[in-house]
Full PDB file with SEQRES, HELIX, SHEET, SSBOND, CRYST1, ORIGX, SCALE, CONECT and MASTER records, all heavy atoms in Angstrom:
SEQRES   1 A   37  ALA GLY ALA LEU VAL ALA THR VAL VAL GLY GLU GLY GLY          
SEQRES   2 A   37  LEU HIS VAL LYS ALA TYR ALA SER GLY GLU ASP PHE SER          
SEQRES   3 A   37  ARG ILE ALA VAL GLY ALA PRO ALA ALA ILE GLN                  
HELIX    1 AA1 GLY A   22  ARG A   27  5                                   6    
CRYST1    1.000    1.000    1.000  90.00  90.00  90.00 P 1           1          
ORIGX1      1.000000  0.000000  0.000000        0.00000                         
ORIGX2      0.000000  1.000000  0.000000        0.00000                         
ORIGX3      0.000000  0.000000  1.000000        0.00000                         
SCALE1      1.000000  0.000000  0.000000        0.00000                         
SCALE2      0.000000  1.000000  0.000000        0.00000                         
SCALE3      0.000000  0.000000  1.000000        0.00000                         
ATOM      1  N   ALA A   1      11.445  81.972 -56.324  1.00  0.00           N  
ATOM      2  CA  ALA A   1      10.544  81.602 -57.416  1.00  0.00           C  
ATOM      3  C   ALA A   1      10.490  80.083 -57.535  1.00  0.00           C  
ATOM      4  O   ALA A   1      11.516  79.413 -57.601  1.00  0.00           O  
ATOM      5  CB  ALA A   1      11.018  82.223 -58.720  1.00  0.00           C  
ATOM      6  N   GLY A   2       9.282  79.524 -57.524  1.00  0.00           N  
ATOM      7  CA  GLY A   2       9.103  78.081 -57.614  1.00  0.00           C  
ATOM      8  C   GLY A   2       9.110  77.361 -56.281  1.00  0.00           C  
ATOM      9  O   GLY A   2       8.873  76.147 -56.228  1.00  0.00           O  
ATOM     10  N   ALA A   3       9.363  78.076 -55.179  1.00  0.00           N  
ATOM     11  CA  ALA A   3       9.433  77.446 -53.857  1.00  0.00           C  
ATOM     12  C   ALA A   3       8.024  77.245 -53.289  1.00  0.00           C  
ATOM     13  O   ALA A   3       7.124  78.046 -53.506  1.00  0.00           O  
ATOM     14  CB  ALA A   3      10.259  78.295 -52.894  1.00  0.00           C  
ATOM     15  N   LEU A   4       7.854  76.157 -52.532  1.00  0.00           N  
ATOM     16  CA  LEU A   4       6.580  75.880 -51.867  1.00  0.00           C  
ATOM     17  C   LEU A   4       6.364  76.870 -50.732  1.00  0.00           C  
ATOM     18  O   LEU A   4       7.228  77.063 -49.885  1.00  0.00           O  
ATOM     19  CB  LEU A   4       6.582  74.453 -51.312  1.00  0.00           C  
ATOM     20  CG  LEU A   4       5.316  74.000 -50.574  1.00  0.00           C  
ATOM     21  CD1 LEU A   4       4.179  73.801 -51.576  1.00  0.00           C  
ATOM     22  CD2 LEU A   4       5.571  72.710 -49.807  1.00  0.00           C  
ATOM     23  N   VAL A   5       5.199  77.520 -50.714  1.00  0.00           N  
ATOM     24  CA  VAL A   5       4.901  78.492 -49.655  1.00  0.00           C  
ATOM     25  C   VAL A   5       3.718  78.052 -48.791  1.00  0.00           C  
ATOM     26  O   VAL A   5       3.546  78.553 -47.684  1.00  0.00           O  
ATOM     27  CB  VAL A   5       4.621  79.886 -50.237  1.00  0.00           C  
ATOM     28  CG1 VAL A   5       5.870  80.444 -50.905  1.00  0.00           C  
ATOM     29  CG2 VAL A   5       3.481  79.851 -51.242  1.00  0.00           C  
ATOM     30  N   ALA A   6       2.897  77.109 -49.279  1.00  0.00           N  
ATOM     31  CA  ALA A   6       1.762  76.632 -48.484  1.00  0.00           C  
ATOM     32  C   ALA A   6       1.195  75.368 -49.121  1.00  0.00           C  
ATOM     33  O   ALA A   6       1.320  75.152 -50.336  1.00  0.00           O  
ATOM     34  CB  ALA A   6       0.666  77.697 -48.375  1.00  0.00           C  
ATOM     35  N   THR A   7       0.586  74.529 -48.287  1.00  0.00           N  
ATOM     36  CA  THR A   7      -0.119  73.338 -48.761  1.00  0.00           C  
ATOM     37  C   THR A   7      -1.496  73.319 -48.129  1.00  0.00           C  
ATOM     38  O   THR A   7      -1.631  73.484 -46.914  1.00  0.00           O  
ATOM     39  CB  THR A   7       0.630  72.044 -48.394  1.00  0.00           C  
ATOM     40  OG1 THR A   7       1.901  72.042 -49.049  1.00  0.00           O  
ATOM     41  CG2 THR A   7      -0.150  70.818 -48.845  1.00  0.00           C  
ATOM     42  N   VAL A   8      -2.521  73.127 -48.962  1.00  0.00           N  
ATOM     43  CA  VAL A   8      -3.902  73.056 -48.487  1.00  0.00           C  
ATOM     44  C   VAL A   8      -4.443  71.672 -48.841  1.00  0.00           C  
ATOM     45  O   VAL A   8      -4.317  71.216 -49.984  1.00  0.00           O  
ATOM     46  CB  VAL A   8      -4.782  74.145 -49.132  1.00  0.00           C  
ATOM     47  CG1 VAL A   8      -6.226  74.014 -48.657  1.00  0.00           C  
ATOM     48  CG2 VAL A   8      -4.243  75.526 -48.787  1.00  0.00           C  
ATOM     49  N   VAL A   9      -5.034  71.001 -47.860  1.00  0.00           N  
ATOM     50  CA  VAL A   9      -5.595  69.666 -48.055  1.00  0.00           C  
ATOM     51  C   VAL A   9      -7.115  69.769 -48.017  1.00  0.00           C  
ATOM     52  O   VAL A   9      -7.694  70.216 -47.029  1.00  0.00           O  
ATOM     53  CB  VAL A   9      -5.099  68.686 -46.966  1.00  0.00           C  
ATOM     54  CG1 VAL A   9      -5.759  67.329 -47.138  1.00  0.00           C  
ATOM     55  CG2 VAL A   9      -3.594  68.563 -47.029  1.00  0.00           C  
ATOM     56  N   GLY A  10      -7.749  69.371 -49.115  1.00  0.00           N  
ATOM     57  CA  GLY A  10      -9.201  69.402 -49.197  1.00  0.00           C  
ATOM     58  C   GLY A  10      -9.806  68.049 -48.911  1.00  0.00           C  
ATOM     59  O   GLY A  10      -9.124  67.113 -48.481  1.00  0.00           O  
ATOM     60  N   GLU A  11     -11.095  67.932 -49.155  1.00  0.00           N  
ATOM     61  CA  GLU A  11     -11.778  66.665 -48.940  1.00  0.00           C  
ATOM     62  C   GLU A  11     -11.404  65.684 -50.045  1.00  0.00           C  
ATOM     63  O   GLU A  11     -11.082  66.062 -51.159  1.00  0.00           O  
ATOM     64  CB  GLU A  11     -13.294  66.875 -48.922  1.00  0.00           C  
ATOM     65  CG  GLU A  11     -13.769  67.755 -47.768  1.00  0.00           C  
ATOM     66  CD  GLU A  11     -15.277  67.915 -47.769  1.00  0.00           C  
ATOM     67  OE1 GLU A  11     -15.916  67.388 -48.708  1.00  0.00           O  
ATOM     68  OE2 GLU A  11     -15.794  68.556 -46.849  1.00  0.00           O  
ATOM     69  N   GLY A  12     -11.483  64.391 -49.731  1.00  0.00           N  
ATOM     70  CA  GLY A  12     -11.154  63.358 -50.710  1.00  0.00           C  
ATOM     71  C   GLY A  12     -10.346  62.254 -50.074  1.00  0.00           C  
ATOM     72  O   GLY A  12      -9.958  62.308 -48.905  1.00  0.00           O  
ATOM     73  N   GLY A  13     -10.080  61.213 -50.871  1.00  0.00           N  
ATOM     74  CA  GLY A  13      -9.323  60.072 -50.381  1.00  0.00           C  
ATOM     75  C   GLY A  13      -7.835  60.343 -50.335  1.00  0.00           C  
ATOM     76  O   GLY A  13      -7.380  61.481 -50.514  1.00  0.00           O  
ATOM     77  N   LEU A  14      -7.073  59.287 -50.090  1.00  0.00           N  
ATOM     78  CA  LEU A  14      -5.627  59.390 -50.002  1.00  0.00           C  
ATOM     79  C   LEU A  14      -4.984  58.613 -51.149  1.00  0.00           C  
ATOM     80  O   LEU A  14      -5.555  57.669 -51.672  1.00  0.00           O  
ATOM     81  CB  LEU A  14      -5.117  58.840 -48.669  1.00  0.00           C  
ATOM     82  CG  LEU A  14      -5.612  59.516 -47.396  1.00  0.00           C  
ATOM     83  CD1 LEU A  14      -5.008  58.831 -46.178  1.00  0.00           C  
ATOM     84  CD2 LEU A  14      -5.271  60.987 -47.386  1.00  0.00           C  
ATOM     85  N   HIS A  15      -3.794  59.045 -51.517  1.00  0.00           N  
ATOM     86  CA  HIS A  15      -2.983  58.270 -52.450  1.00  0.00           C  
ATOM     87  C   HIS A  15      -1.529  58.371 -52.024  1.00  0.00           C  
ATOM     88  O   HIS A  15      -1.163  59.213 -51.201  1.00  0.00           O  
ATOM     89  CB  HIS A  15      -3.185  58.735 -53.901  1.00  0.00           C  
ATOM     90  CG  HIS A  15      -2.629  60.094 -54.187  1.00  0.00           C  
ATOM     91  ND1 HIS A  15      -3.388  61.128 -54.669  1.00  0.00           N  
ATOM     92  CD2 HIS A  15      -1.376  60.609 -54.078  1.00  0.00           C  
ATOM     93  CE1 HIS A  15      -2.635  62.195 -54.838  1.00  0.00           C  
ATOM     94  NE2 HIS A  15      -1.415  61.909 -54.476  1.00  0.00           N  
ATOM     95  N   VAL A  16      -0.705  57.500 -52.591  1.00  0.00           N  
ATOM     96  CA  VAL A  16       0.730  57.505 -52.312  1.00  0.00           C  
ATOM     97  C   VAL A  16       1.455  57.909 -53.591  1.00  0.00           C  
ATOM     98  O   VAL A  16       1.238  57.298 -54.649  1.00  0.00           O  
ATOM     99  CB  VAL A  16       1.228  56.126 -51.842  1.00  0.00           C  
ATOM    100  CG1 VAL A  16       2.744  56.145 -51.669  1.00  0.00           C  
ATOM    101  CG2 VAL A  16       0.554  55.732 -50.540  1.00  0.00           C  
ATOM    102  N   LYS A  17       2.279  58.944 -53.507  1.00  0.00           N  
ATOM    103  CA  LYS A  17       3.147  59.299 -54.624  1.00  0.00           C  
ATOM    104  C   LYS A  17       4.475  58.593 -54.395  1.00  0.00           C  
ATOM    105  O   LYS A  17       5.221  58.932 -53.487  1.00  0.00           O  
ATOM    106  CB  LYS A  17       3.342  60.813 -54.716  1.00  0.00           C  
ATOM    107  CG  LYS A  17       4.241  61.247 -55.879  1.00  0.00           C  
ATOM    108  CD  LYS A  17       4.500  62.739 -55.881  1.00  0.00           C  
ATOM    109  CE  LYS A  17       3.260  63.517 -56.265  1.00  0.00           C  
ATOM    110  NZ  LYS A  17       3.560  64.978 -56.392  1.00  0.00           N  
ATOM    111  N   ALA A  18       4.739  57.582 -55.219  1.00  0.00           N  
ATOM    112  CA  ALA A  18       5.920  56.743 -55.022  1.00  0.00           C  
ATOM    113  C   ALA A  18       6.854  56.864 -56.226  1.00  0.00           C  
ATOM    114  O   ALA A  18       6.436  57.250 -57.328  1.00  0.00           O  
ATOM    115  CB  ALA A  18       5.512  55.285 -54.824  1.00  0.00           C  
ATOM    116  N   TYR A  19       8.115  56.500 -55.994  1.00  0.00           N  
ATOM    117  CA  TYR A  19       9.119  56.554 -57.050  1.00  0.00           C  
ATOM    118  C   TYR A  19       9.814  55.200 -57.126  1.00  0.00           C  
ATOM    119  O   TYR A  19      10.457  54.757 -56.179  1.00  0.00           O  
ATOM    120  CB  TYR A  19      10.133  57.661 -56.785  1.00  0.00           C  
ATOM    121  CG  TYR A  19       9.521  59.037 -56.870  1.00  0.00           C  
ATOM    122  CD1 TYR A  19       8.953  59.640 -55.742  1.00  0.00           C  
ATOM    123  CD2 TYR A  19       9.462  59.717 -58.078  1.00  0.00           C  
ATOM    124  CE1 TYR A  19       8.371  60.890 -55.827  1.00  0.00           C  
ATOM    125  CE2 TYR A  19       8.870  60.966 -58.169  1.00  0.00           C  
ATOM    126  CZ  TYR A  19       8.332  61.549 -57.039  1.00  0.00           C  
ATOM    127  OH  TYR A  19       7.746  62.786 -57.131  1.00  0.00           O  
ATOM    128  N   ALA A  20       9.650  54.512 -58.279  1.00  0.00           N  
ATOM    129  CA  ALA A  20      10.243  53.198 -58.497  1.00  0.00           C  
ATOM    130  C   ALA A  20      11.459  53.328 -59.396  1.00  0.00           C  
ATOM    131  O   ALA A  20      11.639  54.337 -60.098  1.00  0.00           O  
ATOM    132  CB  ALA A  20       9.215  52.257 -59.125  1.00  0.00           C  
ATOM    133  N   SER A  21      12.291  52.302 -59.408  1.00  0.00           N  
ATOM    134  CA  SER A  21      13.476  52.302 -60.255  1.00  0.00           C  
ATOM    135  C   SER A  21      13.071  52.381 -61.724  1.00  0.00           C  
ATOM    136  O   SER A  21      12.098  51.768 -62.165  1.00  0.00           O  
ATOM    137  CB  SER A  21      14.303  51.032 -60.010  1.00  0.00           C  
ATOM    138  OG  SER A  21      15.335  50.910 -60.970  1.00  0.00           O  
ATOM    139  N   GLY A  22      13.836  53.144 -62.503  1.00  0.00           N  
ATOM    140  CA  GLY A  22      13.545  53.261 -63.925  1.00  0.00           C  
ATOM    141  C   GLY A  22      13.609  51.931 -64.652  1.00  0.00           C  
ATOM    142  O   GLY A  22      12.964  51.754 -65.696  1.00  0.00           O  
ATOM    143  N   GLU A  23      14.373  50.969 -64.113  1.00  0.00           N  
ATOM    144  CA  GLU A  23      14.470  49.658 -64.749  1.00  0.00           C  
ATOM    145  C   GLU A  23      13.157  48.884 -64.658  1.00  0.00           C  
ATOM    146  O   GLU A  23      12.937  47.937 -65.410  1.00  0.00           O  
ATOM    147  CB  GLU A  23      15.605  48.848 -64.092  1.00  0.00           C  
ATOM    148  CG  GLU A  23      16.981  49.497 -64.279  1.00  0.00           C  
ATOM    149  CD  GLU A  23      18.076  48.713 -63.589  1.00  0.00           C  
ATOM    150  OE1 GLU A  23      17.760  47.651 -63.009  1.00  0.00           O  
ATOM    151  OE2 GLU A  23      19.238  49.152 -63.631  1.00  0.00           O  
ATOM    152  N   ASP A  24      12.286  49.280 -63.744  1.00  0.00           N  
ATOM    153  CA  ASP A  24      10.991  48.600 -63.589  1.00  0.00           C  
ATOM    154  C   ASP A  24       9.870  49.307 -64.345  1.00  0.00           C  
ATOM    155  O   ASP A  24       8.709  48.927 -64.231  1.00  0.00           O  
ATOM    156  CB  ASP A  24      10.617  48.536 -62.099  1.00  0.00           C  
ATOM    157  CG  ASP A  24      11.527  47.608 -61.336  1.00  0.00           C  
ATOM    158  OD1 ASP A  24      11.810  46.520 -61.846  1.00  0.00           O  
ATOM    159  OD2 ASP A  24      11.956  47.981 -60.230  1.00  0.00           O  
ATOM    160  N   PHE A  25      10.194  50.341 -65.114  1.00  0.00           N  
ATOM    161  CA  PHE A  25       9.175  51.147 -65.788  1.00  0.00           C  
ATOM    162  C   PHE A  25       8.224  50.291 -66.626  1.00  0.00           C  
ATOM    163  O   PHE A  25       6.998  50.454 -66.578  1.00  0.00           O  
ATOM    164  CB  PHE A  25       9.865  52.194 -66.659  1.00  0.00           C  
ATOM    165  CG  PHE A  25       8.925  53.036 -67.470  1.00  0.00           C  
ATOM    166  CD1 PHE A  25       7.902  53.746 -66.862  1.00  0.00           C  
ATOM    167  CD2 PHE A  25       9.050  53.124 -68.845  1.00  0.00           C  
ATOM    168  CE1 PHE A  25       7.029  54.524 -67.606  1.00  0.00           C  
ATOM    169  CE2 PHE A  25       8.183  53.890 -69.601  1.00  0.00           C  
ATOM    170  CZ  PHE A  25       7.171  54.590 -68.982  1.00  0.00           C  
ATOM    171  N   SER A  26       8.767  49.347 -67.396  1.00  0.00           N  
ATOM    172  CA  SER A  26       7.943  48.538 -68.305  1.00  0.00           C  
ATOM    173  C   SER A  26       7.098  47.504 -67.572  1.00  0.00           C  
ATOM    174  O   SER A  26       6.197  46.911 -68.166  1.00  0.00           O  
ATOM    175  CB  SER A  26       8.833  47.843 -69.337  1.00  0.00           C  
ATOM    176  OG  SER A  26       9.746  46.963 -68.704  1.00  0.00           O  
ATOM    177  N   ARG A  27       7.354  47.290 -66.278  1.00  0.00           N  
ATOM    178  CA  ARG A  27       6.649  46.230 -65.547  1.00  0.00           C  
ATOM    179  C   ARG A  27       5.566  46.792 -64.621  1.00  0.00           C  
ATOM    180  O   ARG A  27       4.979  46.067 -63.838  1.00  0.00           O  
ATOM    181  CB  ARG A  27       7.638  45.414 -64.717  1.00  0.00           C  
ATOM    182  CG  ARG A  27       8.715  44.780 -65.575  1.00  0.00           C  
ATOM    183  CD  ARG A  27       9.514  43.702 -64.855  1.00  0.00           C  
ATOM    184  NE  ARG A  27      10.145  44.172 -63.647  1.00  0.00           N  
ATOM    185  CZ  ARG A  27       9.776  43.792 -62.418  1.00  0.00           C  
ATOM    186  NH1 ARG A  27       8.765  42.981 -62.251  1.00  0.00           N  
ATOM    187  NH2 ARG A  27      10.420  44.240 -61.371  1.00  0.00           N  
ATOM    188  N   ILE A  28       5.313  48.116 -64.712  1.00  0.00           N  
ATOM    189  CA  ILE A  28       4.282  48.740 -63.878  1.00  0.00           C  
ATOM    190  C   ILE A  28       3.104  49.112 -64.761  1.00  0.00           C  
ATOM    191  O   ILE A  28       3.273  49.817 -65.760  1.00  0.00           O  
ATOM    192  CB  ILE A  28       4.824  49.982 -63.166  1.00  0.00           C  
ATOM    193  CG1 ILE A  28       6.078  49.640 -62.351  1.00  0.00           C  
ATOM    194  CG2 ILE A  28       3.764  50.585 -62.262  1.00  0.00           C  
ATOM    195  CD1 ILE A  28       6.754  50.850 -61.750  1.00  0.00           C  
ATOM    196  N   ALA A  29       1.919  48.629 -64.411  1.00  0.00           N  
ATOM    197  CA  ALA A  29       0.730  48.881 -65.226  1.00  0.00           C  
ATOM    198  C   ALA A  29      -0.346  49.563 -64.390  1.00  0.00           C  
ATOM    199  O   ALA A  29      -0.495  49.285 -63.186  1.00  0.00           O  
ATOM    200  CB  ALA A  29       0.198  47.576 -65.803  1.00  0.00           C  
ATOM    201  N   VAL A  30      -1.102  50.471 -65.023  1.00  0.00           N  
ATOM    202  CA  VAL A  30      -2.227  51.107 -64.349  1.00  0.00           C  
ATOM    203  C   VAL A  30      -3.256  50.044 -63.967  1.00  0.00           C  
ATOM    204  O   VAL A  30      -3.589  49.175 -64.774  1.00  0.00           O  
ATOM    205  CB  VAL A  30      -2.874  52.176 -65.258  1.00  0.00           C  
ATOM    206  CG1 VAL A  30      -4.128  52.732 -64.617  1.00  0.00           C  
ATOM    207  CG2 VAL A  30      -1.885  53.292 -65.558  1.00  0.00           C  
ATOM    208  N   GLY A  31      -3.743  50.104 -62.737  1.00  0.00           N  
ATOM    209  CA  GLY A  31      -4.706  49.134 -62.243  1.00  0.00           C  
ATOM    210  C   GLY A  31      -4.089  47.988 -61.475  1.00  0.00           C  
ATOM    211  O   GLY A  31      -4.809  47.191 -60.851  1.00  0.00           O  
ATOM    212  N   ALA A  32      -2.764  47.856 -61.500  1.00  0.00           N  
ATOM    213  CA  ALA A  32      -2.096  46.750 -60.801  1.00  0.00           C  
ATOM    214  C   ALA A  32      -2.305  46.876 -59.293  1.00  0.00           C  
ATOM    215  O   ALA A  32      -2.221  47.973 -58.743  1.00  0.00           O  
ATOM    216  CB  ALA A  32      -0.613  46.748 -61.132  1.00  0.00           C  
ATOM    217  N   PRO A  33      -2.581  45.741 -58.605  1.00  0.00           N  
ATOM    218  CA  PRO A  33      -2.718  45.778 -57.144  1.00  0.00           C  
ATOM    219  C   PRO A  33      -1.401  46.173 -56.490  1.00  0.00           C  
ATOM    220  O   PRO A  33      -0.323  45.894 -57.021  1.00  0.00           O  
ATOM    221  CB  PRO A  33      -3.111  44.337 -56.791  1.00  0.00           C  
ATOM    222  CG  PRO A  33      -3.608  43.742 -58.065  1.00  0.00           C  
ATOM    223  CD  PRO A  33      -2.831  44.400 -59.162  1.00  0.00           C  
ATOM    224  N   ALA A  34      -1.486  46.795 -55.336  1.00  0.00           N  
ATOM    225  CA  ALA A  34      -0.291  47.209 -54.609  1.00  0.00           C  
ATOM    226  C   ALA A  34      -0.528  47.039 -53.118  1.00  0.00           C  
ATOM    227  O   ALA A  34      -1.659  47.155 -52.632  1.00  0.00           O  
ATOM    228  CB  ALA A  34       0.062  48.656 -54.925  1.00  0.00           C  
ATOM    229  N   ALA A  35       0.549  46.735 -52.400  1.00  0.00           N  
ATOM    230  CA  ALA A  35       0.508  46.632 -50.941  1.00  0.00           C  
ATOM    231  C   ALA A  35       1.288  47.806 -50.358  1.00  0.00           C  
ATOM    232  O   ALA A  35       2.408  48.089 -50.796  1.00  0.00           O  
ATOM    233  CB  ALA A  35       1.104  45.312 -50.475  1.00  0.00           C  
ATOM    234  N   ILE A  36       0.696  48.487 -49.379  1.00  0.00           N  
ATOM    235  CA  ILE A  36       1.314  49.645 -48.739  1.00  0.00           C  
ATOM    236  C   ILE A  36       1.659  49.270 -47.307  1.00  0.00           C  
ATOM    237  O   ILE A  36       0.802  48.798 -46.559  1.00  0.00           O  
ATOM    238  CB  ILE A  36       0.361  50.853 -48.759  1.00  0.00           C  
ATOM    239  CG1 ILE A  36      -0.052  51.159 -50.198  1.00  0.00           C  
ATOM    240  CG2 ILE A  36       1.015  52.071 -48.111  1.00  0.00           C  
ATOM    241  CD1 ILE A  36      -1.267  52.041 -50.294  1.00  0.00           C  
ATOM    242  N   GLN A  37       2.906  49.455 -46.947  1.00  0.00           N  
ATOM    243  CA  GLN A  37       3.396  49.057 -45.622  1.00  0.00           C  
ATOM    244  C   GLN A  37       3.144  47.569 -45.368  1.00  0.00           C  
ATOM    245  O   GLN A  37       2.903  47.154 -44.238  1.00  0.00           O  
ATOM    246  CB  GLN A  37       2.751  49.900 -44.529  1.00  0.00           C  
ATOM    247  CG  GLN A  37       3.152  51.362 -44.547  1.00  0.00           C  
ATOM    248  CD  GLN A  37       4.619  51.593 -44.251  1.00  0.00           C  
ATOM    249  OE1 GLN A  37       5.457  51.473 -45.149  1.00  0.00           O  
ATOM    250  NE2 GLN A  37       4.942  51.915 -43.015  1.00  0.00           N  
TER     251      GLN A  37                                                      
MASTER        0    0    0    1    0    0    0    6  250    1    0    3          
END                                                                             
């Protein structure tokens, strides 16, 4: 129960689901530029 059994990818763009340190929570704002790799 609750286990992943399948993943389906539809049309659309890409995003990155990232996890930052909790100490930086107050310094992250929606819309802020980001560099990937």
